[in-house]
Amino acid sequence: MFAVIEFDESCGAGVAVVRNEWLTPRKRECFWPPHKDSSKFQKIIKQGSDITETWQLYSVSRVFYETADYDQAVKKSKIGEVTSNLQWETECTRKGILKRRLYTSTDESENENLL
């Protein structure tokens, strides 16, 4: 499983795709591998890796999205860089339009009788 997270302001406030195993149980912190090379990092994300002492722990402000599909997580992370609510972007449907009640003259006269 993969998660799209937003790091806390103190950590740079970026959006990233991580493996769920890298998150702490309460999902408030994330372990991050020490690799600077993009290809090595991508390999670790896709294949998984055990957390070691060299990994740093960073604060997470929120988890935007969770999925089993890596490519879907990458798509959501790109949306997350632009918008703050990934769930709303694709999964919420448009709300219906409320119908207005038409008042007739008989309705008005009934209301006057009540006063």
PDB file of N, CA and C in Angstrom:
ATOM      1  N   MET A   1       0.845  -1.189   0.000  1.00  0.00           N
ATOM      2  CA  MET A   1       0.000   0.000   0.000  1.00  0.00           C
ATOM      3  C   MET A   1       0.888   1.250   0.000  1.00  0.00           C
ATOM      4  N   PHE A   2       0.353   2.288  -0.604  1.00  0.00           N
ATOM      5  CA  PHE A   2       1.055   3.562  -0.704  1.00  0.00           C
ATOM      6  C   PHE A   2       0.170   4.664  -0.142  1.00  0.00           C
ATOM      7  N   ALA A   3       0.814   5.719   0.336  1.00  0.00           N
ATOM      8  CA  ALA A   3       0.085   6.865   0.868  1.00  0.00           C
ATOM      9  C   ALA A   3       0.661   8.138   0.266  1.00  0.00           C
ATOM     10  N   VAL A   4      -0.217   9.092   0.011  1.00  0.00           N
ATOM     11  CA  VAL A   4       0.206  10.424  -0.407  1.00  0.00           C
ATOM     12  C   VAL A   4       0.093  11.292   0.832  1.00  0.00           C
ATOM     13  N   ILE A   5       1.230  11.841   1.256  1.00  0.00           N
ATOM     14  CA  ILE A   5       1.257  12.602   2.505  1.00  0.00           C
ATOM     15  C   ILE A   5       1.736  14.023   2.262  1.00  0.00           C
ATOM     16  N   GLU A   6       1.429  14.872   3.229  1.00  0.00           N
ATOM     17  CA  GLU A   6       1.962  16.228   3.243  1.00  0.00           C
ATOM     18  C   GLU A   6       2.804  16.351   4.494  1.00  0.00           C
ATOM     19  N   PHE A   7       4.058  16.737   4.308  1.00  0.00           N
ATOM     20  CA  PHE A   7       4.934  16.920   5.451  1.00  0.00           C
ATOM     21  C   PHE A   7       4.567  18.197   6.188  1.00  0.00           C
ATOM     22  N   ASP A   8       4.887  18.232   7.461  1.00  0.00           N
ATOM     23  CA  ASP A   8       4.630  19.381   8.312  1.00  0.00           C
ATOM     24  C   ASP A   8       5.446  20.584   7.827  1.00  0.00           C
ATOM     25  N   GLU A   9       4.990  21.781   8.175  1.00  0.00           N
ATOM     26  CA  GLU A   9       5.688  23.021   7.807  1.00  0.00           C
ATOM     27  C   GLU A   9       7.148  22.996   8.252  1.00  0.00           C
ATOM     28  N   SER A  10       7.413  22.434   9.417  1.00  0.00           N
ATOM     29  CA  SER A  10       8.778  22.393   9.946  1.00  0.00           C
ATOM     30  C   SER A  10       9.695  21.508   9.100  1.00  0.00           C
ATOM     31  N   CYS A  11       9.109  20.644   8.285  1.00  0.00           N
ATOM     32  CA  CYS A  11       9.882  19.731   7.422  1.00  0.00           C
ATOM     33  C   CYS A  11       9.865  20.166   5.966  1.00  0.00           C
ATOM     34  N   GLY A  12       9.320  21.304   5.675  1.00  0.00           N
ATOM     35  CA  GLY A  12       9.296  21.796   4.306  1.00  0.00           C
ATOM     36  C   GLY A  12       7.941  21.759   3.641  1.00  0.00           C
ATOM     37  N   ALA A  13       6.958  21.116   4.252  1.00  0.00           N
ATOM     38  CA  ALA A  13       5.565  21.093   3.783  1.00  0.00           C
ATOM     39  C   ALA A  13       5.401  20.582   2.360  1.00  0.00           C
ATOM     40  N   GLY A  14       6.195  19.617   1.941  1.00  0.00           N
ATOM     41  CA  GLY A  14       6.060  19.042   0.613  1.00  0.00           C
ATOM     42  C   GLY A  14       5.079  17.885   0.590  1.00  0.00           C
ATOM     43  N   VAL A  15       4.678  17.485  -0.607  1.00  0.00           N
ATOM     44  CA  VAL A  15       3.791  16.341  -0.812  1.00  0.00           C
ATOM     45  C   VAL A  15       4.638  15.206  -1.379  1.00  0.00           C
ATOM     46  N   ALA A  16       4.422  13.979  -0.875  1.00  0.00           N
ATOM     47  CA  ALA A  16       5.225  12.844  -1.331  1.00  0.00           C
ATOM     48  C   ALA A  16       4.425  11.551  -1.295  1.00  0.00           C
ATOM     49  N   VAL A  17       4.869  10.598  -2.107  1.00  0.00           N
ATOM     50  CA  VAL A  17       4.329   9.238  -2.075  1.00  0.00           C
ATOM     51  C   VAL A  17       5.264   8.415  -1.199  1.00  0.00           C
ATOM     52  N   VAL A  18       4.691   7.707  -0.240  1.00  0.00           N
ATOM     53  CA  VAL A  18       5.474   6.842   0.644  1.00  0.00           C
ATOM     54  C   VAL A  18       4.761   5.498   0.785  1.00  0.00           C
ATOM     55  N   ARG A  19       5.475   4.521   1.251  1.00  0.00           N
ATOM     56  CA  ARG A  19       4.854   3.236   1.571  1.00  0.00           C
ATOM     57  C   ARG A  19       4.163   3.369   2.921  1.00  0.00           C
ATOM     58  N   ASN A  20       3.044   2.698   3.085  1.00  0.00           N
ATOM     59  CA  ASN A  20       2.314   2.770   4.356  1.00  0.00           C
ATOM     60  C   ASN A  20       3.160   2.287   5.527  1.00  0.00           C
ATOM     61  N   GLU A  21       4.054   1.329   5.269  1.00  0.00           N
ATOM     62  CA  GLU A  21       4.905   0.810   6.338  1.00  0.00           C
ATOM     63  C   GLU A  21       5.846   1.875   6.896  1.00  0.00           C
ATOM     64  N   TRP A  22       6.093   2.924   6.130  1.00  0.00           N
ATOM     65  CA  TRP A  22       6.991   3.984   6.579  1.00  0.00           C
ATOM     66  C   TRP A  22       6.312   4.925   7.564  1.00  0.00           C
ATOM     67  N   LEU A  23       4.994   4.878   7.633  1.00  0.00           N
ATOM     68  CA  LEU A  23       4.251   5.748   8.549  1.00  0.00           C
ATOM     69  C   LEU A  23       4.187   5.121   9.932  1.00  0.00           C
ATOM     70  N   THR A  24       4.204   5.965  10.953  1.00  0.00           N
ATOM     71  CA  THR A  24       4.017   5.475  12.315  1.00  0.00           C
ATOM     72  C   THR A  24       2.555   5.067  12.479  1.00  0.00           C
ATOM     73  N   PRO A  25       2.211   4.302  13.520  1.00  0.00           N
ATOM     74  CA  PRO A  25       0.827   3.824  13.671  1.00  0.00           C
ATOM     75  C   PRO A  25      -0.244   4.920  13.648  1.00  0.00           C
ATOM     76  N   ARG A  26       0.034   6.066  14.206  1.00  0.00           N
ATOM     77  CA  ARG A  26      -0.956   7.159  14.199  1.00  0.00           C
ATOM     78  C   ARG A  26      -0.873   8.033  12.951  1.00  0.00           C
ATOM     79  N   LYS A  27       0.053   7.721  12.083  1.00  0.00           N
ATOM     80  CA  LYS A  27       0.245   8.431  10.813  1.00  0.00           C
ATOM     81  C   LYS A  27       0.551   9.913  11.011  1.00  0.00           C
ATOM     82  N   ARG A  28       1.304  10.210  12.058  1.00  0.00           N
ATOM     83  CA  ARG A  28       1.720  11.584  12.326  1.00  0.00           C
ATOM     84  C   ARG A  28       3.193  11.811  12.007  1.00  0.00           C
ATOM     85  N   GLU A  29       3.898  10.710  11.733  1.00  0.00           N
ATOM     86  CA  GLU A  29       5.311  10.797  11.385  1.00  0.00           C
ATOM     87  C   GLU A  29       5.618   9.757  10.309  1.00  0.00           C
ATOM     88  N   CYS A  30       6.685  10.030   9.567  1.00  0.00           N
ATOM     89  CA  CYS A  30       7.060   9.141   8.471  1.00  0.00           C
ATOM     90  C   CYS A  30       8.571   8.944   8.472  1.00  0.00           C
ATOM     91  N   PHE A  31       8.991   7.696   8.326  1.00  0.00           N
ATOM     92  CA  PHE A  31      10.407   7.406   8.154  1.00  0.00           C
ATOM     93  C   PHE A  31      10.762   7.648   6.696  1.00  0.00           C
ATOM     94  N   TRP A  32      11.938   8.255   6.469  1.00  0.00           N
ATOM     95  CA  TRP A  32      12.354   8.616   5.124  1.00  0.00           C
ATOM     96  C   TRP A  32      13.743   8.050   4.862  1.00  0.00           C
ATOM     97  N   PRO A  33      13.925   7.317   3.761  1.00  0.00           N
ATOM     98  CA  PRO A  33      15.233   6.715   3.471  1.00  0.00           C
ATOM     99  C   PRO A  33      16.286   7.773   3.144  1.00  0.00           C
ATOM    100  N   PRO A  34      17.556   7.458   3.397  1.00  0.00           N
ATOM    101  CA  PRO A  34      18.620   8.449   3.212  1.00  0.00           C
ATOM    102  C   PRO A  34      19.112   8.588   1.771  1.00  0.00           C
ATOM    103  N   HIS A  35      18.482   7.972   0.808  1.00  0.00           N
ATOM    104  CA  HIS A  35      18.970   7.980  -0.575  1.00  0.00           C
ATOM    105  C   HIS A  35      18.661   9.297  -1.274  1.00  0.00           C
ATOM    106  N   LYS A  36      19.685   9.868  -1.883  1.00  0.00           N
ATOM    107  CA  LYS A  36      19.520  11.107  -2.643  1.00  0.00           C
ATOM    108  C   LYS A  36      19.285  10.812  -4.130  1.00  0.00           C
ATOM    109  N   ASP A  37      19.762   9.663  -4.586  1.00  0.00           N
ATOM    110  CA  ASP A  37      19.619   9.267  -5.983  1.00  0.00           C
ATOM    111  C   ASP A  37      18.162   8.893  -6.265  1.00  0.00           C
ATOM    112  N   SER A  38      17.574   9.534  -7.246  1.00  0.00           N
ATOM    113  CA  SER A  38      16.157   9.343  -7.563  1.00  0.00           C
ATOM    114  C   SER A  38      15.834   7.901  -7.958  1.00  0.00           C
ATOM    115  N   SER A  39      16.693   7.270  -8.740  1.00  0.00           N
ATOM    116  CA  SER A  39      16.409   5.902  -9.190  1.00  0.00           C
ATOM    117  C   SER A  39      16.426   4.914  -8.024  1.00  0.00           C
ATOM    118  N   LYS A  40      17.362   5.085  -7.090  1.00  0.00           N
ATOM    119  CA  LYS A  40      17.400   4.214  -5.906  1.00  0.00           C
ATOM    120  C   LYS A  40      16.166   4.435  -5.041  1.00  0.00           C
ATOM    121  N   PHE A  41      15.788   5.688  -4.915  1.00  0.00           N
ATOM    122  CA  PHE A  41      14.622   6.022  -4.100  1.00  0.00           C
ATOM    123  C   PHE A  41      13.353   5.412  -4.702  1.00  0.00           C
ATOM    124  N   GLN A  42      13.180   5.526  -6.014  1.00  0.00           N
ATOM    125  CA  GLN A  42      12.014   4.950  -6.691  1.00  0.00           C
ATOM    126  C   GLN A  42      11.971   3.431  -6.516  1.00  0.00           C
ATOM    127  N   LYS A  43      13.137   2.807  -6.588  1.00  0.00           N
ATOM    128  CA  LYS A  43      13.213   1.357  -6.414  1.00  0.00           C
ATOM    129  C   LYS A  43      12.773   0.958  -5.006  1.00  0.00           C
ATOM    130  N   ILE A  44      13.198   1.715  -4.007  1.00  0.00           N
ATOM    131  CA  ILE A  44      12.824   1.420  -2.619  1.00  0.00           C
ATOM    132  C   ILE A  44      11.321   1.598  -2.420  1.00  0.00           C
ATOM    133  N   ILE A  45      10.758   2.635  -3.010  1.00  0.00           N
ATOM    134  CA  ILE A  45       9.315   2.855  -2.862  1.00  0.00           C
ATOM    135  C   ILE A  45       8.532   1.706  -3.506  1.00  0.00           C
ATOM    136  N   LYS A  46       8.893   1.344  -4.719  1.00  0.00           N
ATOM    137  CA  LYS A  46       8.143   0.311  -5.438  1.00  0.00           C
ATOM    138  C   LYS A  46       8.320  -1.080  -4.838  1.00  0.00           C
ATOM    139  N   GLN A  47       9.549  -1.429  -4.452  1.00  0.00           N
ATOM    140  CA  GLN A  47       9.818  -2.778  -3.964  1.00  0.00           C
ATOM    141  C   GLN A  47       9.715  -2.903  -2.452  1.00  0.00           C
ATOM    142  N   GLY A  48       9.834  -1.806  -1.750  1.00  0.00           N
ATOM    143  CA  GLY A  48       9.796  -1.850  -0.295  1.00  0.00           C
ATOM    144  C   GLY A  48      11.180  -2.088   0.281  1.00  0.00           C
ATOM    145  N   SER A  49      11.360  -1.671   1.502  1.00  0.00           N
ATOM    146  CA  SER A  49      12.629  -1.838   2.194  1.00  0.00           C
ATOM    147  C   SER A  49      12.374  -1.722   3.685  1.00  0.00           C
ATOM    148  N   ASP A  50      13.131  -2.470   4.456  1.00  0.00           N
ATOM    149  CA  ASP A  50      13.000  -2.374   5.907  1.00  0.00           C
ATOM    150  C   ASP A  50      13.579  -1.060   6.401  1.00  0.00           C
ATOM    151  N   ILE A  51      12.928  -0.485   7.381  1.00  0.00           N
ATOM    152  CA  ILE A  51      13.391   0.764   7.981  1.00  0.00           C
ATOM    153  C   ILE A  51      14.626   0.461   8.823  1.00  0.00           C
ATOM    154  N   THR A  52      15.669   1.264   8.649  1.00  0.00           N
ATOM    155  CA  THR A  52      16.899   1.084   9.422  1.00  0.00           C
ATOM    156  C   THR A  52      17.179   2.329  10.251  1.00  0.00           C
ATOM    157  N   GLU A  53      18.267   2.284  11.019  1.00  0.00           N
ATOM    158  CA  GLU A  53      18.632   3.423  11.876  1.00  0.00           C
ATOM    159  C   GLU A  53      19.023   4.655  11.074  1.00  0.00           C
ATOM    160  N   THR A  54      19.408   4.474   9.814  1.00  0.00           N
ATOM    161  CA  THR A  54      19.842   5.608   8.997  1.00  0.00           C
ATOM    162  C   THR A  54      18.668   6.438   8.471  1.00  0.00           C
ATOM    163  N   TRP A  55      17.466   5.905   8.576  1.00  0.00           N
ATOM    164  CA  TRP A  55      16.289   6.626   8.097  1.00  0.00           C
ATOM    165  C   TRP A  55      15.911   7.714   9.097  1.00  0.00           C
ATOM    166  N   GLN A  56      15.547   8.880   8.586  1.00  0.00           N
ATOM    167  CA  GLN A  56      15.126   9.977   9.457  1.00  0.00           C
ATOM    168  C   GLN A  56      13.611   9.968   9.619  1.00  0.00           C
ATOM    169  N   LEU A  57      13.175  10.504  10.747  1.00  0.00           N
ATOM    170  CA  LEU A  57      11.749  10.583  11.054  1.00  0.00           C
ATOM    171  C   LEU A  57      11.285  12.024  10.868  1.00  0.00           C
ATOM    172  N   TYR A  58      10.250  12.214  10.053  1.00  0.00           N
ATOM    173  CA  TYR A  58       9.718  13.546   9.771  1.00  0.00           C
ATOM    174  C   TYR A  58       8.254  13.624  10.186  1.00  0.00           C
ATOM    175  N   SER A  59       7.824  14.814  10.578  1.00  0.00           N
ATOM    176  CA  SER A  59       6.425  15.038  10.970  1.00  0.00           C
ATOM    177  C   SER A  59       5.543  15.128   9.730  1.00  0.00           C
ATOM    178  N   VAL A  60       4.360  14.547   9.842  1.00  0.00           N
ATOM    179  CA  VAL A  60       3.380  14.554   8.754  1.00  0.00           C
ATOM    180  C   VAL A  60       2.191  15.387   9.200  1.00  0.00           C
ATOM    181  N   SER A  61       1.772  16.346   8.374  1.00  0.00           N
ATOM    182  CA  SER A  61       0.605  17.151   8.745  1.00  0.00           C
ATOM    183  C   SER A  61      -0.689  16.424   8.403  1.00  0.00           C
ATOM    184  N   ARG A  62      -0.699  15.666   7.286  1.00  0.00           N
ATOM    185  CA  ARG A  62      -1.893  14.878   6.962  1.00  0.00           C
ATOM    186  C   ARG A  62      -1.598  13.853   5.873  1.00  0.00           C
ATOM    187  N   VAL A  63      -2.447  12.850   5.843  1.00  0.00           N
ATOM    188  CA  VAL A  63      -2.407  11.826   4.799  1.00  0.00           C
ATOM    189  C   VAL A  63      -3.561  12.139   3.856  1.00  0.00           C
ATOM    190  N   PHE A  64      -3.225  12.433   2.608  1.00  0.00           N
ATOM    191  CA  PHE A  64      -4.244  12.786   1.626  1.00  0.00           C
ATOM    192  C   PHE A  64      -4.994  11.576   1.098  1.00  0.00           C
ATOM    193  N   TYR A  65      -4.245  10.514   0.779  1.00  0.00           N
ATOM    194  CA  TYR A  65      -4.837   9.436  -0.011  1.00  0.00           C
ATOM    195  C   TYR A  65      -4.050   8.157   0.230  1.00  0.00           C
ATOM    196  N   GLU A  66      -4.735   7.020   0.205  1.00  0.00           N
ATOM    197  CA  GLU A  66      -4.081   5.725   0.327  1.00  0.00           C
ATOM    198  C   GLU A  66      -4.594   4.808  -0.778  1.00  0.00           C
ATOM    199  N   THR A  67      -3.679   4.044  -1.374  1.00  0.00           N
ATOM    200  CA  THR A  67      -4.036   3.148  -2.466  1.00  0.00           C
ATOM    201  C   THR A  67      -3.022   2.017  -2.566  1.00  0.00           C
ATOM    202  N   ALA A  68      -3.414   0.941  -3.221  1.00  0.00           N
ATOM    203  CA  ALA A  68      -2.499  -0.174  -3.462  1.00  0.00           C
ATOM    204  C   ALA A  68      -1.722   0.024  -4.765  1.00  0.00           C
ATOM    205  N   ASP A  69      -2.141   0.972  -5.582  1.00  0.00           N
ATOM    206  CA  ASP A  69      -1.543   1.204  -6.893  1.00  0.00           C
ATOM    207  C   ASP A  69      -0.559   2.378  -6.835  1.00  0.00           C
ATOM    208  N   TYR A  70       0.705   2.106  -7.133  1.00  0.00           N
ATOM    209  CA  TYR A  70       1.740   3.138  -7.080  1.00  0.00           C
ATOM    210  C   TYR A  70       1.461   4.262  -8.080  1.00  0.00           C
ATOM    211  N   ASP A  71       1.092   3.908  -9.301  1.00  0.00           N
ATOM    212  CA  ASP A  71       0.840   4.926 -10.330  1.00  0.00           C
ATOM    213  C   ASP A  71      -0.307   5.854  -9.938  1.00  0.00           C
ATOM    214  N   GLN A  72      -1.339   5.302  -9.310  1.00  0.00           N
ATOM    215  CA  GLN A  72      -2.461   6.118  -8.830  1.00  0.00           C
ATOM    216  C   GLN A  72      -1.983   7.076  -7.735  1.00  0.00           C
ATOM    217  N   ALA A  73      -1.104   6.597  -6.870  1.00  0.00           N
ATOM    218  CA  ALA A  73      -0.562   7.446  -5.806  1.00  0.00           C
ATOM    219  C   ALA A  73       0.253   8.596  -6.391  1.00  0.00           C
ATOM    220  N   VAL A  74       1.023   8.320  -7.433  1.00  0.00           N
ATOM    221  CA  VAL A  74       1.812   9.372  -8.080  1.00  0.00           C
ATOM    222  C   VAL A  74       0.891  10.421  -8.695  1.00  0.00           C
ATOM    223  N   LYS A  75      -0.193   9.976  -9.359  1.00  0.00           N
ATOM    224  CA  LYS A  75      -1.172  10.923  -9.926  1.00  0.00           C
ATOM    225  C   LYS A  75      -1.751  11.816  -8.839  1.00  0.00           C
ATOM    226  N   LYS A  76      -2.133  11.191  -7.734  1.00  0.00           N
ATOM    227  CA  LYS A  76      -2.730  11.952  -6.634  1.00  0.00           C
ATOM    228  C   LYS A  76      -1.726  12.918  -6.017  1.00  0.00           C
ATOM    229  N   SER A  77      -0.461  12.534  -5.982  1.00  0.00           N
ATOM    230  CA  SER A  77       0.543  13.432  -5.405  1.00  0.00           C
ATOM    231  C   SER A  77       0.703  14.684  -6.259  1.00  0.00           C
ATOM    232  N   LYS A  78       0.589  14.531  -7.574  1.00  0.00           N
ATOM    233  CA  LYS A  78       0.683  15.696  -8.460  1.00  0.00           C
ATOM    234  C   LYS A  78      -0.512  16.620  -8.264  1.00  0.00           C
ATOM    235  N   ILE A  79      -1.686  16.035  -8.062  1.00  0.00           N
ATOM    236  CA  ILE A  79      -2.873  16.842  -7.760  1.00  0.00           C
ATOM    237  C   ILE A  79      -2.698  17.509  -6.401  1.00  0.00           C
ATOM    238  N   GLY A  80      -2.124  16.778  -5.455  1.00  0.00           N
ATOM    239  CA  GLY A  80      -1.923  17.291  -4.101  1.00  0.00           C
ATOM    240  C   GLY A  80      -0.984  18.475  -4.036  1.00  0.00           C
ATOM    241  N   GLU A  81      -0.106  18.603  -5.020  1.00  0.00           N
ATOM    242  CA  GLU A  81       0.779  19.758  -5.063  1.00  0.00           C
ATOM    243  C   GLU A  81       0.015  21.024  -5.413  1.00  0.00           C
ATOM    244  N   VAL A  82      -1.137  20.860  -6.063  1.00  0.00           N
ATOM    245  CA  VAL A  82      -1.925  22.006  -6.515  1.00  0.00           C
ATOM    246  C   VAL A  82      -3.111  22.284  -5.603  1.00  0.00           C
ATOM    247  N   THR A  83      -3.780  21.236  -5.164  1.00  0.00           N
ATOM    248  CA  THR A  83      -4.983  21.392  -4.353  1.00  0.00           C
ATOM    249  C   THR A  83      -4.768  20.775  -2.989  1.00  0.00           C
ATOM    250  N   SER A  84      -5.592  21.133  -2.044  1.00  0.00           N
ATOM    251  CA  SER A  84      -5.403  20.633  -0.683  1.00  0.00           C
ATOM    252  C   SER A  84      -6.353  19.507  -0.314  1.00  0.00           C
ATOM    253  N   ASN A  85      -7.264  19.128  -1.210  1.00  0.00           N
ATOM    254  CA  ASN A  85      -8.220  18.088  -0.852  1.00  0.00           C
ATOM    255  C   ASN A  85      -8.340  17.066  -1.979  1.00  0.00           C
ATOM    256  N   LEU A  86      -7.526  16.010  -1.918  1.00  0.00           N
ATOM    257  CA  LEU A  86      -7.509  15.010  -2.983  1.00  0.00           C
ATOM    258  C   LEU A  86      -8.783  14.195  -3.039  1.00  0.00           C
ATOM    259  N   GLN A  87      -9.358  13.884  -1.907  1.00  0.00           N
ATOM    260  CA  GLN A  87     -10.578  13.090  -1.898  1.00  0.00           C
ATOM    261  C   GLN A  87     -11.684  13.854  -2.631  1.00  0.00           C
ATOM    262  N   TRP A  88     -11.802  15.130  -2.398  1.00  0.00           N
ATOM    263  CA  TRP A  88     -12.843  15.955  -3.011  1.00  0.00           C
ATOM    264  C   TRP A  88     -12.663  16.004  -4.521  1.00  0.00           C
ATOM    265  N   GLU A  89     -11.421  16.046  -4.972  1.00  0.00           N
ATOM    266  CA  GLU A  89     -11.117  16.218  -6.387  1.00  0.00           C
ATOM    267  C   GLU A  89     -11.764  15.156  -7.266  1.00  0.00           C
ATOM    268  N   THR A  90     -11.780  13.897  -6.838  1.00  0.00           N
ATOM    269  CA  THR A  90     -12.253  12.858  -7.739  1.00  0.00           C
ATOM    270  C   THR A  90     -13.437  12.061  -7.220  1.00  0.00           C
ATOM    271  N   GLU A  91     -13.656  12.029  -5.933  1.00  0.00           N
ATOM    272  CA  GLU A  91     -14.635  11.101  -5.406  1.00  0.00           C
ATOM    273  C   GLU A  91     -15.953  11.730  -4.978  1.00  0.00           C
ATOM    274  N   CYS A  92     -16.009  13.018  -4.839  1.00  0.00           N
ATOM    275  CA  CYS A  92     -17.259  13.656  -4.440  1.00  0.00           C
ATOM    276  C   CYS A  92     -18.076  13.966  -5.691  1.00  0.00           C
ATOM    277  N   THR A  93     -19.356  13.784  -5.565  1.00  0.00           N
ATOM    278  CA  THR A  93     -20.226  14.090  -6.693  1.00  0.00           C
ATOM    279  C   THR A  93     -20.804  15.484  -6.514  1.00  0.00           C
ATOM    280  N   ARG A  94     -21.308  16.016  -7.596  1.00  0.00           N
ATOM    281  CA  ARG A  94     -21.893  17.346  -7.551  1.00  0.00           C
ATOM    282  C   ARG A  94     -23.196  17.297  -6.772  1.00  0.00           C
ATOM    283  N   LYS A  95     -23.388  18.275  -5.922  1.00  0.00           N
ATOM    284  CA  LYS A  95     -24.624  18.339  -5.150  1.00  0.00           C
ATOM    285  C   LYS A  95     -25.766  18.774  -6.052  1.00  0.00           C
ATOM    286  N   GLY A  96     -26.946  18.260  -5.772  1.00  0.00           N
ATOM    287  CA  GLY A  96     -28.123  18.633  -6.543  1.00  0.00           C
ATOM    288  C   GLY A  96     -28.559  20.056  -6.238  1.00  0.00           C
ATOM    289  N   ILE A  97     -29.307  20.620  -7.129  1.00  0.00           N
ATOM    290  CA  ILE A  97     -29.814  21.976  -6.952  1.00  0.00           C
ATOM    291  C   ILE A  97     -31.127  21.901  -6.188  1.00  0.00           C
ATOM    292  N   LEU A  98     -31.243  22.709  -5.164  1.00  0.00           N
ATOM    293  CA  LEU A  98     -32.474  22.738  -4.384  1.00  0.00           C
ATOM    294  C   LEU A  98     -33.575  23.422  -5.181  1.00  0.00           C
ATOM    295  N   LYS A  99     -34.748  22.838  -5.137  1.00  0.00           N
ATOM    296  CA  LYS A  99     -35.882  23.435  -5.831  1.00  0.00           C
ATOM    297  C   LYS A  99     -36.519  24.471  -4.912  1.00  0.00           C
ATOM    298  N   ARG A 100     -36.846  25.598  -5.492  1.00  0.00           N
ATOM    299  CA  ARG A 100     -37.513  26.645  -4.720  1.00  0.00           C
ATOM    300  C   ARG A 100     -39.010  26.399  -4.736  1.00  0.00           C
ATOM    301  N   ARG A 101     -39.618  26.653  -3.627  1.00  0.00           N
ATOM    302  CA  ARG A 101     -41.063  26.496  -3.538  1.00  0.00           C
ATOM    303  C   ARG A 101     -41.728  27.740  -4.111  1.00  0.00           C
ATOM    304  N   LEU A 102     -42.674  27.513  -4.963  1.00  0.00           N
ATOM    305  CA  LEU A 102     -43.413  28.625  -5.543  1.00  0.00           C
ATOM    306  C   LEU A 102     -44.594  28.954  -4.640  1.00  0.00           C
ATOM    307  N   TYR A 103     -44.721  30.205  -4.305  1.00  0.00           N
ATOM    308  CA  TYR A 103     -45.835  30.643  -3.462  1.00  0.00           C
ATOM    309  C   TYR A 103     -46.954  31.159  -4.347  1.00  0.00           C
ATOM    310  N   THR A 104     -48.141  30.787  -3.993  1.00  0.00           N
ATOM    311  CA  THR A 104     -49.312  31.290  -4.711  1.00  0.00           C
ATOM    312  C   THR A 104     -50.042  32.262  -3.805  1.00  0.00           C
ATOM    313  N   SER A 105     -51.008  32.942  -4.357  1.00  0.00           N
ATOM    314  CA  SER A 105     -51.759  33.917  -3.560  1.00  0.00           C
ATOM    315  C   SER A 105     -52.549  33.224  -2.452  1.00  0.00           C
ATOM    316  N   THR A 106     -52.959  31.981  -2.631  1.00  0.00           N
ATOM    317  CA  THR A 106     -53.690  31.274  -1.570  1.00  0.00           C
ATOM    318  C   THR A 106     -52.771  30.980  -0.393  1.00  0.00           C
ATOM    319  N   ASP A 107     -51.496  30.708  -0.667  1.00  0.00           N
ATOM    320  CA  ASP A 107     -50.534  30.490   0.416  1.00  0.00           C
ATOM    321  C   ASP A 107     -50.370  31.756   1.245  1.00  0.00           C
ATOM    322  N   GLU A 108     -50.311  32.910   0.581  1.00  0.00           N
ATOM    323  CA  GLU A 108     -50.138  34.169   1.288  1.00  0.00           C
ATOM    324  C   GLU A 108     -51.354  34.486   2.147  1.00  0.00           C
ATOM    325  N   SER A 109     -52.540  34.222   1.630  1.00  0.00           N
ATOM    326  CA  SER A 109     -53.743  34.519   2.407  1.00  0.00           C
ATOM    327  C   SER A 109     -53.845  33.584   3.607  1.00  0.00           C
ATOM    328  N   GLU A 110     -53.395  32.343   3.475  1.00  0.00           N
ATOM    329  CA  GLU A 110     -53.396  31.423   4.611  1.00  0.00           C
ATOM    330  C   GLU A 110     -52.427  31.901   5.687  1.00  0.00           C
ATOM    331  N   ASN A 111     -51.266  32.424   5.264  1.00  0.00           N
ATOM    332  CA  ASN A 111     -50.287  32.934   6.221  1.00  0.00           C
ATOM    333  C   ASN A 111     -50.819  34.157   6.955  1.00  0.00           C
ATOM    334  N   GLU A 112     -51.593  35.012   6.276  1.00  0.00           N
ATOM    335  CA  GLU A 112     -52.169  36.191   6.913  1.00  0.00           C
ATOM    336  C   GLU A 112     -53.197  35.783   7.955  1.00  0.00           C
ATOM    337  N   ASN A 113     -53.939  34.716   7.686  1.00  0.00           N
ATOM    338  CA  ASN A 113     -54.934  34.230   8.643  1.00  0.00           C
ATOM    339  C   ASN A 113     -54.272  33.702   9.913  1.00  0.00           C
ATOM    340  N   LEU A 114     -53.067  33.196   9.787  1.00  0.00           N
ATOM    341  CA  LEU A 114     -52.354  32.681  10.956  1.00  0.00           C
ATOM    342  C   LEU A 114     -51.892  33.806  11.875  1.00  0.00           C
ATOM    343  N   LEU A 115     -51.631  34.962  11.335  1.00  0.00           N
ATOM    344  CA  LEU A 115     -51.163  36.088  12.137  1.00  0.00           C
ATOM    345  C   LEU A 115     -52.314  36.663  12.858  1.00  0.00           C
TER     346      LEU A 115
END
